[in-house]
Amino acid sequence: RLRQDEVTARLVDLDDRADPRAVDEVVTMPELARSGGPTLVLAADSSCPMCRLLTATLAEQHGQLDAPAVVLGYQAREEWGELDDRLRYVQDEDAWQQIAHLSPPVLLLLDESGAAREVTMPSSRDEALVLMQQWGVARSSAR
C-alpha cells in the first residue's frame, strides 16, 4: 500500500528533484470532485486485470459506498467495452498526468475541492475494500 508520504517522495519536477509539497497540494482533480463530500476515484487502464477487478468491485459495492465512485482513465470509453452504468467514467488527460508515474490501479480519495487526501495502489480487492472502509466511504458490510 502506498502511503501519502511515499507518494510525495515519488513526485519529482522536471529537474528530477523531489517535490517537497504534500500530495494534496500536488494532486488536485477539481473536475472529478463533488461538492458536499468526498469522491472515490479509481485510476485504471482497461488492459489491466486488477483494474478491471476493482472496477467491477466498485460497481458491486455501489450501494454500500458513501461517496460517488469515478473511474478515471486515459483511454476512450469504448476501450472498456461494457462498463457498469453505476460508475461514471471520465477520460481526463490533465487528471491522469498527475498520477501517470504510478502503476494502475490507483485508488484516490478526493475532498470536495478535488485535492487528493489519500492515494494508494491496492494489490487486491480485499485491500481496496478495507482502505475504503478506513477512509470512511464504505460501510463495513461492503465485503
Protein backbone atom coordinates (compact mmCIF):
# COMPACT_ATOMS: atom_id res chain seq x y z
CA ARG A 1 0.00 0.00 0.00
CA LEU A 2 1.36 3.39 -0.93
CA ARG A 3 1.01 5.98 1.81
CA GLN A 4 0.75 9.74 1.26
CA ASP A 5 4.37 10.39 2.30
CA GLU A 6 5.61 7.73 -0.13
CA VAL A 7 3.63 9.32 -2.95
CA THR A 8 5.07 12.71 -2.02
CA ALA A 9 8.57 11.24 -2.11
CA ARG A 10 7.93 9.98 -5.62
CA LEU A 11 6.73 13.28 -7.02
CA VAL A 12 9.54 14.90 -8.98
CA ASP A 13 9.86 18.03 -11.01
CA LEU A 14 11.46 18.36 -14.45
CA ASP A 15 14.92 18.63 -12.87
CA ASP A 16 14.45 15.27 -11.10
CA ARG A 17 14.27 16.92 -7.69
CA ALA A 18 11.74 15.70 -5.17
CA ASP A 19 8.73 17.96 -4.84
CA PRO A 20 8.52 18.99 -1.16
CA ARG A 21 4.79 19.71 -1.27
CA ALA A 22 2.26 17.34 0.25
CA VAL A 23 0.29 15.13 -2.12
CA ASP A 24 -2.90 17.16 -1.63
CA GLU A 25 -1.07 20.24 -2.89
CA VAL A 26 0.19 18.41 -5.97
CA VAL A 27 -2.62 16.03 -6.92
CA THR A 28 -5.81 18.00 -7.46
CA MET A 29 -8.70 16.94 -9.65
CA PRO A 30 -11.47 19.51 -9.17
CA GLU A 31 -13.31 18.30 -12.29
CA LEU A 32 -13.88 14.93 -10.61
CA ALA A 33 -14.88 16.21 -7.17
CA ARG A 34 -18.41 16.70 -5.93
CA SER A 35 -19.50 19.42 -3.59
CA GLY A 36 -20.66 18.32 -0.18
CA GLY A 37 -18.35 15.40 0.36
CA PRO A 38 -15.55 13.14 -0.79
CA THR A 39 -15.21 11.39 -4.14
CA LEU A 40 -13.64 7.98 -4.65
CA VAL A 41 -11.53 7.75 -7.81
CA LEU A 42 -10.12 4.62 -9.38
CA ALA A 43 -7.46 5.49 -11.95
CA ALA A 44 -7.46 2.47 -14.21
CA ASP A 45 -6.30 1.06 -17.52
CA SER A 46 -8.65 -1.21 -19.49
CA SER A 47 -5.84 -3.69 -20.23
CA CYS A 48 -5.01 -4.16 -16.54
CA PRO A 49 -6.71 -7.22 -14.96
CA MET A 50 -6.58 -5.76 -11.42
CA CYS A 51 -8.09 -2.51 -12.73
CA ARG A 52 -10.98 -4.47 -14.23
CA LEU A 53 -11.47 -6.40 -10.99
CA LEU A 54 -11.55 -3.21 -8.91
CA THR A 55 -13.88 -1.53 -11.39
CA ALA A 56 -16.28 -4.47 -11.02
CA THR A 57 -15.86 -4.29 -7.23
CA LEU A 58 -16.80 -0.60 -7.17
CA ALA A 59 -19.90 -1.36 -9.23
CA GLU A 60 -20.87 -4.27 -6.95
CA GLN A 61 -20.37 -2.19 -3.82
CA HIS A 62 -22.10 0.89 -5.23
CA GLY A 63 -24.97 0.72 -2.74
CA GLN A 64 -22.53 0.35 0.18
CA LEU A 65 -20.45 3.41 -0.73
CA ASP A 66 -20.98 6.74 0.99
CA ALA A 67 -19.17 8.61 -1.78
CA PRO A 68 -19.61 8.57 -5.54
CA ALA A 69 -17.16 6.38 -7.43
CA VAL A 70 -15.46 7.63 -10.58
CA VAL A 71 -13.27 5.60 -12.93
CA LEU A 72 -10.52 7.82 -14.33
CA GLY A 73 -8.76 6.73 -17.48
CA TYR A 74 -6.66 7.99 -20.35
CA GLN A 75 -8.35 5.74 -22.91
CA ALA A 76 -11.55 6.35 -24.81
CA ARG A 77 -14.62 4.97 -23.06
CA GLU A 78 -15.07 2.44 -25.87
CA GLU A 79 -11.81 0.70 -24.87
CA TRP A 80 -13.57 -0.56 -21.75
CA GLY A 81 -16.39 -2.32 -23.58
CA GLU A 82 -19.25 -2.78 -21.14
CA LEU A 83 -18.75 -0.70 -18.04
CA ASP A 84 -21.35 -0.77 -15.31
CA ASP A 85 -23.79 2.15 -15.58
CA ARG A 86 -23.46 2.84 -11.86
CA LEU A 87 -19.92 4.05 -12.44
CA ARG A 88 -19.01 7.36 -14.04
CA TYR A 89 -16.11 7.04 -16.48
CA VAL A 90 -14.02 10.15 -17.07
CA GLN A 91 -11.30 10.44 -19.67
CA ASP A 92 -9.27 13.38 -18.39
CA GLU A 93 -5.71 13.79 -19.64
CA ASP A 94 -4.81 16.51 -17.11
CA ALA A 95 -6.01 14.47 -14.15
CA TRP A 96 -4.34 11.31 -15.49
CA GLN A 97 -1.00 13.07 -15.95
CA GLN A 98 -0.87 13.87 -12.24
CA ILE A 99 -0.68 10.19 -11.34
CA ALA A 100 0.68 8.71 -14.58
CA HIS A 101 4.01 7.91 -12.91
CA LEU A 102 2.19 5.41 -10.68
CA SER A 103 1.13 1.97 -11.92
CA PRO A 104 -2.61 1.43 -12.06
CA PRO A 105 -4.82 0.69 -10.36
CA VAL A 106 -4.53 3.83 -8.24
CA LEU A 107 -7.26 4.48 -5.70
CA LEU A 108 -7.72 8.08 -4.58
CA LEU A 109 -9.95 9.83 -2.13
CA LEU A 110 -10.63 13.44 -3.15
CA ASP A 111 -12.06 16.07 -0.87
CA GLU A 112 -14.82 18.34 -2.13
CA SER A 113 -12.27 20.73 -3.68
CA GLY A 114 -10.65 17.88 -5.62
CA ALA A 115 -7.47 17.65 -3.54
CA ALA A 116 -6.24 14.09 -3.04
CA ARG A 117 -6.45 13.19 0.65
CA GLU A 118 -5.49 9.56 0.14
CA VAL A 119 -3.60 7.86 -2.68
CA THR A 120 -2.80 4.16 -2.80
CA MET A 121 -2.15 1.33 -5.22
CA PRO A 122 -4.15 -1.63 -3.88
CA SER A 123 -2.88 -5.07 -4.75
CA SER A 124 -6.13 -6.91 -4.08
CA ARG A 125 -9.89 -6.49 -3.93
CA ASP A 126 -9.86 -7.06 -0.18
CA GLU A 127 -7.20 -4.43 0.36
CA ALA A 128 -9.23 -1.89 -1.63
CA LEU A 129 -12.36 -2.67 0.41
CA VAL A 130 -10.51 -2.31 3.71
CA LEU A 131 -9.00 1.00 2.59
CA MET A 132 -12.38 2.37 1.55
CA GLN A 133 -13.73 1.40 4.99
CA GLN A 134 -10.77 3.07 6.72
CA TRP A 135 -11.32 6.21 4.64
CA GLY A 136 -14.94 6.27 5.79
CA VAL A 137 -16.52 5.89 2.35
CA ALA A 138 -17.60 2.23 2.52
CA ARG A 139 -19.75 0.60 5.15
CA SER A 140 -18.10 -2.30 6.95
CA SER A 141 -20.54 -4.78 5.42
CA ALA A 142 -19.15 -3.98 1.94
CA ARG A 143 -17.23 -7.26 1.73
